[in-house]
Amino acid sequence: MVRKIQNFLPLEKVKTYQMKTIISVVVVFFVFFFNTATMAQSYMAGVDEFIEYNNINMANAQSGNTYEDIEGSPFLYGDFVVGQVKLNNGKYYKGELRYDNYKQNLEFKNEKGEVLEVLTPEKITSVVLDEITLKYVLTDSQGQFFRQLVGGGYSLLALDEAEYQDPKPARPYVEATPAKFIVKSPVYFIFSAADGLVELKNKKSLTTVYPEKVKEIGNFLKREKIKFTSQEDLVKLVEYLNTL
């Protein structure tokens, strides 16, 4: 007959182990509860608080644009998407949003379904629409939303614009053309807190950013065959600059 040998922990060790387990469970629960509560407190209660913070009321609010009679769309997305706004007071707002590349402004819906413009975009740090992040940057003349392609010490930003083209009447042998929006090619910038916005036109643009690394950057541009008209290449370039 085979004897089964069982190992038992001393009673004191069992109590200590149970106590540690209880403490661990309590700590995990507290951390989860604290993080959840913090996240909940970070968001605004609703659209009314968002409107109040941005100094918007029904007397001075500007209605959003429909552009029903114009061919094409100036919006970043064709319609509203659920997005998130990060405000410079540390809070977040989540709701239906869209960005107008023609008027360069952010629009949202209130609880009545009315489309309104954000009147004080300088109170916004960034906006996330689907997979796109818009970063608000103050320039010398005014603030502007840019599409962020690379983050970090040096950010790669793209300025997207839509251009309005007037309708043209019919002429002999030429049909009339309606008013329409034309999406322009993006203009790319590199941004840092120290240097501000620098348009990425060519190799010389980088002398402002890294004057002491001109030779090293030049070698990278040549080795990787970087084209300043290629978004993919510029992403690669700015990611490289963030490693220097």
Protein backbone atom coordinates (compact mmCIF):
# COMPACT_ATOMS: atom_id res chain seq x y z
CA MET A 1 0.00 0.00 0.00
CA VAL A 2 1.32 3.40 -1.03
CA ARG A 3 1.24 6.03 1.69
CA LYS A 4 0.25 9.57 0.64
CA ILE A 5 2.29 12.23 2.34
CA GLN A 6 0.62 15.66 2.68
CA ASN A 7 2.58 18.81 3.49
CA PHE A 8 0.86 21.30 5.75
CA LEU A 9 1.96 24.89 6.47
CA PRO A 10 2.18 25.94 10.09
CA LEU A 11 -0.93 27.82 11.27
CA GLU A 12 1.00 31.10 11.70
CA LYS A 13 2.19 31.02 8.06
CA VAL A 14 -1.33 30.25 6.84
CA LYS A 15 -2.68 33.29 8.67
CA THR A 16 0.13 35.48 7.31
CA TYR A 17 -0.52 34.26 3.76
CA GLN A 18 -4.25 34.88 4.10
CA MET A 19 -3.59 38.35 5.46
CA LYS A 20 -1.26 39.23 2.55
CA THR A 21 -3.86 37.96 0.08
CA ILE A 22 -6.59 40.11 1.62
CA ILE A 23 -4.33 43.18 1.61
CA SER A 24 -3.41 42.59 -2.05
CA VAL A 25 -7.06 42.31 -3.05
CA VAL A 26 -7.93 45.49 -1.14
CA VAL A 27 -5.03 47.40 -2.74
CA VAL A 28 -5.97 46.25 -6.26
CA PHE A 29 -9.60 47.21 -5.67
CA PHE A 30 -8.62 50.63 -4.30
CA VAL A 31 -6.31 51.36 -7.25
CA PHE A 32 -9.00 50.31 -9.73
CA PHE A 33 -11.67 52.36 -7.95
CA PHE A 34 -9.39 55.41 -7.70
CA ASN A 35 -8.40 55.28 -11.38
CA THR A 36 -12.02 54.81 -12.46
CA ALA A 37 -13.17 57.71 -10.29
CA THR A 38 -10.35 59.92 -11.56
CA MET A 39 -11.23 59.18 -15.18
CA ALA A 40 -14.90 59.88 -14.50
CA GLN A 41 -14.07 63.19 -12.83
CA SER A 42 -11.87 64.22 -15.76
CA TYR A 43 -14.80 64.31 -18.17
CA MET A 44 -17.26 67.17 -18.33
CA ALA A 45 -20.78 66.39 -17.18
CA GLY A 46 -22.21 67.05 -20.62
CA VAL A 47 -22.55 69.41 -23.53
CA ASP A 48 -23.90 72.20 -21.30
CA GLU A 49 -20.65 72.39 -19.32
CA PHE A 50 -18.67 72.28 -22.57
CA ILE A 51 -20.74 75.18 -23.95
CA GLU A 52 -20.33 77.18 -20.75
CA TYR A 53 -16.56 76.68 -20.63
CA ASN A 54 -16.20 77.85 -24.23
CA ASN A 55 -18.32 80.97 -23.59
CA ILE A 56 -21.01 79.83 -26.00
CA ASN A 57 -24.64 80.80 -25.58
CA MET A 58 -27.59 80.77 -27.93
CA ALA A 59 -27.33 84.54 -28.37
CA ASN A 60 -23.79 84.57 -29.76
CA ALA A 61 -23.47 81.01 -31.07
CA GLN A 62 -22.84 80.63 -34.76
CA SER A 63 -24.75 77.92 -36.56
CA GLY A 64 -22.72 75.21 -38.21
CA ASN A 65 -22.46 74.99 -41.97
CA THR A 66 -24.36 72.57 -44.19
CA TYR A 67 -23.01 73.60 -47.64
CA GLU A 68 -25.97 71.82 -49.21
CA ASP A 69 -25.69 73.57 -52.59
CA ILE A 70 -21.93 73.16 -52.90
CA GLU A 71 -20.30 70.17 -54.55
CA GLY A 72 -17.81 68.26 -52.43
CA SER A 73 -17.24 68.41 -48.70
CA PRO A 74 -14.83 70.54 -46.68
CA PHE A 75 -15.17 68.40 -43.57
CA LEU A 76 -12.43 66.14 -42.29
CA TYR A 77 -15.07 63.41 -42.24
CA GLY A 78 -18.24 63.59 -44.27
CA ASP A 79 -20.41 63.71 -41.17
CA PHE A 80 -20.22 63.91 -37.41
CA VAL A 81 -18.23 61.30 -35.53
CA VAL A 82 -18.00 60.66 -31.82
CA GLY A 83 -14.82 62.39 -30.76
CA GLN A 84 -12.97 63.58 -27.70
CA VAL A 85 -11.81 67.10 -26.89
CA LYS A 86 -8.99 67.72 -24.43
CA LEU A 87 -9.34 71.14 -22.80
CA ASN A 88 -6.58 73.22 -21.27
CA ASN A 89 -8.29 73.04 -17.87
CA GLY A 90 -7.39 69.34 -17.76
CA LYS A 91 -10.89 68.09 -18.51
CA TYR A 92 -12.24 66.15 -21.47
CA TYR A 93 -15.44 66.40 -23.46
CA LYS A 94 -16.83 63.53 -25.50
CA GLY A 95 -19.56 64.04 -28.07
CA GLU A 96 -20.49 64.37 -31.73
CA LEU A 97 -17.88 66.50 -33.51
CA ARG A 98 -16.67 67.42 -36.97
CA TYR A 99 -13.93 69.66 -38.31
CA ASP A 100 -14.40 72.15 -41.15
CA ASN A 101 -11.23 72.43 -43.25
CA TYR A 102 -12.62 75.46 -45.12
CA LYS A 103 -13.48 77.66 -42.13
CA GLN A 104 -10.84 75.96 -39.98
CA ASN A 105 -13.11 75.44 -37.03
CA LEU A 106 -14.57 72.71 -34.85
CA GLU A 107 -18.32 72.07 -34.77
CA PHE A 108 -20.41 70.12 -32.28
CA LYS A 109 -24.03 69.26 -31.58
CA ASN A 110 -25.90 70.42 -28.49
CA GLU A 111 -28.56 68.36 -26.76
CA LYS A 112 -31.22 69.68 -29.15
CA GLY A 113 -29.26 68.41 -32.14
CA GLU A 114 -28.32 71.92 -33.24
CA VAL A 115 -24.95 72.32 -34.94
CA LEU A 116 -22.75 75.01 -33.37
CA GLU A 117 -19.21 76.26 -33.78
CA VAL A 118 -16.61 76.36 -31.02
CA LEU A 119 -15.98 80.07 -30.51
CA THR A 120 -12.89 79.82 -28.32
CA PRO A 121 -10.64 77.10 -29.82
CA GLU A 122 -7.71 78.48 -27.81
CA LYS A 123 -9.23 76.71 -24.81
CA ILE A 124 -8.67 73.38 -26.57
CA THR A 125 -5.42 71.42 -26.44
CA SER A 126 -6.28 68.63 -28.86
CA VAL A 127 -9.16 66.81 -30.53
CA VAL A 128 -9.41 63.12 -31.41
CA LEU A 129 -11.75 62.25 -34.28
CA ASP A 130 -11.78 58.53 -34.97
CA GLU A 131 -8.07 57.76 -35.61
CA ILE A 132 -7.03 61.36 -36.30
CA THR A 133 -5.61 63.72 -33.67
CA LEU A 134 -5.90 67.47 -34.18
CA LYS A 135 -3.50 69.61 -32.18
CA TYR A 136 -4.24 73.29 -31.52
CA VAL A 137 -1.15 75.46 -31.90
CA LEU A 138 -0.90 79.18 -31.21
CA THR A 139 1.03 80.96 -33.94
CA ASP A 140 2.17 84.59 -34.12
CA SER A 141 -1.03 85.78 -35.76
CA GLN A 142 -3.65 83.27 -34.65
CA GLY A 143 -4.28 79.75 -33.44
CA GLN A 144 -4.69 76.84 -35.80
CA PHE A 145 -5.68 73.17 -35.72
CA PHE A 146 -3.15 70.81 -37.28
CA ARG A 147 -3.38 67.09 -37.94
CA GLN A 148 -0.74 65.41 -35.79
CA LEU A 149 1.21 62.66 -37.55
CA VAL A 150 4.09 62.23 -35.10
CA GLY A 151 4.22 63.23 -31.43
CA GLY A 152 7.17 63.76 -29.12
CA GLY A 153 9.71 66.51 -28.56
CA TYR A 154 9.37 67.26 -32.25
CA SER A 155 5.92 66.80 -33.74
CA LEU A 156 5.05 66.40 -37.38
CA LEU A 157 1.91 68.40 -38.14
CA ALA A 158 -0.12 68.69 -41.32
CA LEU A 159 -2.30 71.67 -42.20
CA ASP A 160 -5.33 70.54 -44.20
CA GLU A 161 -7.34 73.13 -46.09
CA ALA A 162 -10.33 73.13 -48.42
CA GLU A 163 -10.68 75.83 -51.06
CA TYR A 164 -14.00 77.24 -52.25
CA GLN A 165 -14.46 77.56 -56.01
CA ASP A 166 -17.20 79.86 -57.29
CA PRO A 167 -19.83 78.54 -59.70
CA LYS A 168 -19.27 79.30 -63.36
CA PRO A 169 -22.12 80.18 -65.73
CA ALA A 170 -22.61 78.37 -69.00
CA ARG A 171 -20.79 79.68 -72.05
CA PRO A 172 -20.93 78.72 -75.70
CA TYR A 173 -19.97 75.05 -75.91
CA VAL A 174 -19.15 75.03 -72.16
CA GLU A 175 -21.57 73.79 -69.53
CA ALA A 176 -22.12 75.62 -66.26
CA THR A 177 -20.23 74.29 -63.26
CA PRO A 178 -21.57 74.43 -59.70
CA ALA A 179 -19.80 75.86 -56.69
CA LYS A 180 -17.51 73.28 -55.15
CA PHE A 181 -14.88 72.62 -52.53
CA ILE A 182 -11.43 71.48 -53.55
CA VAL A 183 -9.24 69.75 -50.98
CA LYS A 184 -5.74 71.19 -51.16
CA SER A 185 -2.55 69.22 -50.63
CA PRO A 186 -1.43 69.22 -46.98
CA VAL A 187 1.29 71.60 -45.84
CA TYR A 188 3.70 69.94 -43.41
CA PHE A 189 5.31 71.51 -40.35
CA ILE A 190 7.65 70.42 -37.61
CA PHE A 191 6.74 71.75 -34.18
CA SER A 192 8.57 72.00 -30.87
CA ALA A 193 8.09 74.13 -27.77
CA ALA A 194 11.50 75.73 -28.34
CA ASP A 195 11.33 76.46 -32.07
CA GLY A 196 7.59 76.73 -32.65
CA LEU A 197 6.28 75.92 -36.13
CA VAL A 198 8.70 75.41 -39.00
CA GLU A 199 7.37 74.55 -42.44
CA LEU A 200 9.11 71.53 -43.92
CA LYS A 201 9.89 72.64 -47.46
CA ASN A 202 13.39 71.27 -47.96
CA LYS A 203 16.66 70.41 -46.24
CA LYS A 204 17.28 74.06 -45.31
CA SER A 205 14.12 74.03 -43.18
CA LEU A 206 15.91 71.77 -40.70
CA THR A 207 18.76 74.21 -39.99
CA THR A 208 16.43 76.07 -37.61
CA VAL A 209 15.58 72.87 -35.77
CA TYR A 210 19.01 71.23 -35.49
CA PRO A 211 21.78 73.61 -36.68
CA GLU A 212 24.45 71.54 -34.94
CA LYS A 213 23.29 68.30 -36.60
CA VAL A 214 23.09 69.51 -40.21
CA LYS A 215 25.68 67.03 -41.52
CA GLU A 216 24.21 64.06 -39.67
CA ILE A 217 20.69 64.92 -40.82
CA GLY A 218 21.95 65.44 -44.36
CA ASN A 219 23.43 61.94 -44.36
CA PHE A 220 20.10 60.54 -43.16
CA LEU A 221 18.18 62.38 -45.88
CA LYS A 222 20.53 61.02 -48.54
CA ARG A 223 20.65 57.49 -47.15
CA GLU A 224 16.87 57.18 -46.79
CA LYS A 225 16.13 59.15 -49.97
CA ILE A 226 13.74 61.42 -48.09
CA LYS A 227 11.27 63.39 -50.21
CA PHE A 228 9.72 66.45 -48.57
CA THR A 229 6.56 65.92 -50.62
CA SER A 230 6.01 62.45 -49.16
CA GLN A 231 4.09 62.18 -45.90
CA GLU A 232 5.53 58.73 -45.26
CA ASP A 233 9.08 60.05 -45.65
CA LEU A 234 8.42 63.03 -43.38
CA VAL A 235 7.07 60.72 -40.68
CA LYS A 236 10.30 58.72 -40.93
CA LEU A 237 12.35 61.94 -40.77
CA VAL A 238 10.67 63.38 -37.66
CA GLU A 239 10.81 60.03 -35.88
CA TYR A 240 14.55 60.06 -36.59
CA LEU A 241 14.93 63.64 -35.28
CA ASN A 242 13.34 62.55 -32.01
CA THR A 243 16.18 60.06 -31.52
CA LEU A 244 18.94 62.68 -31.75
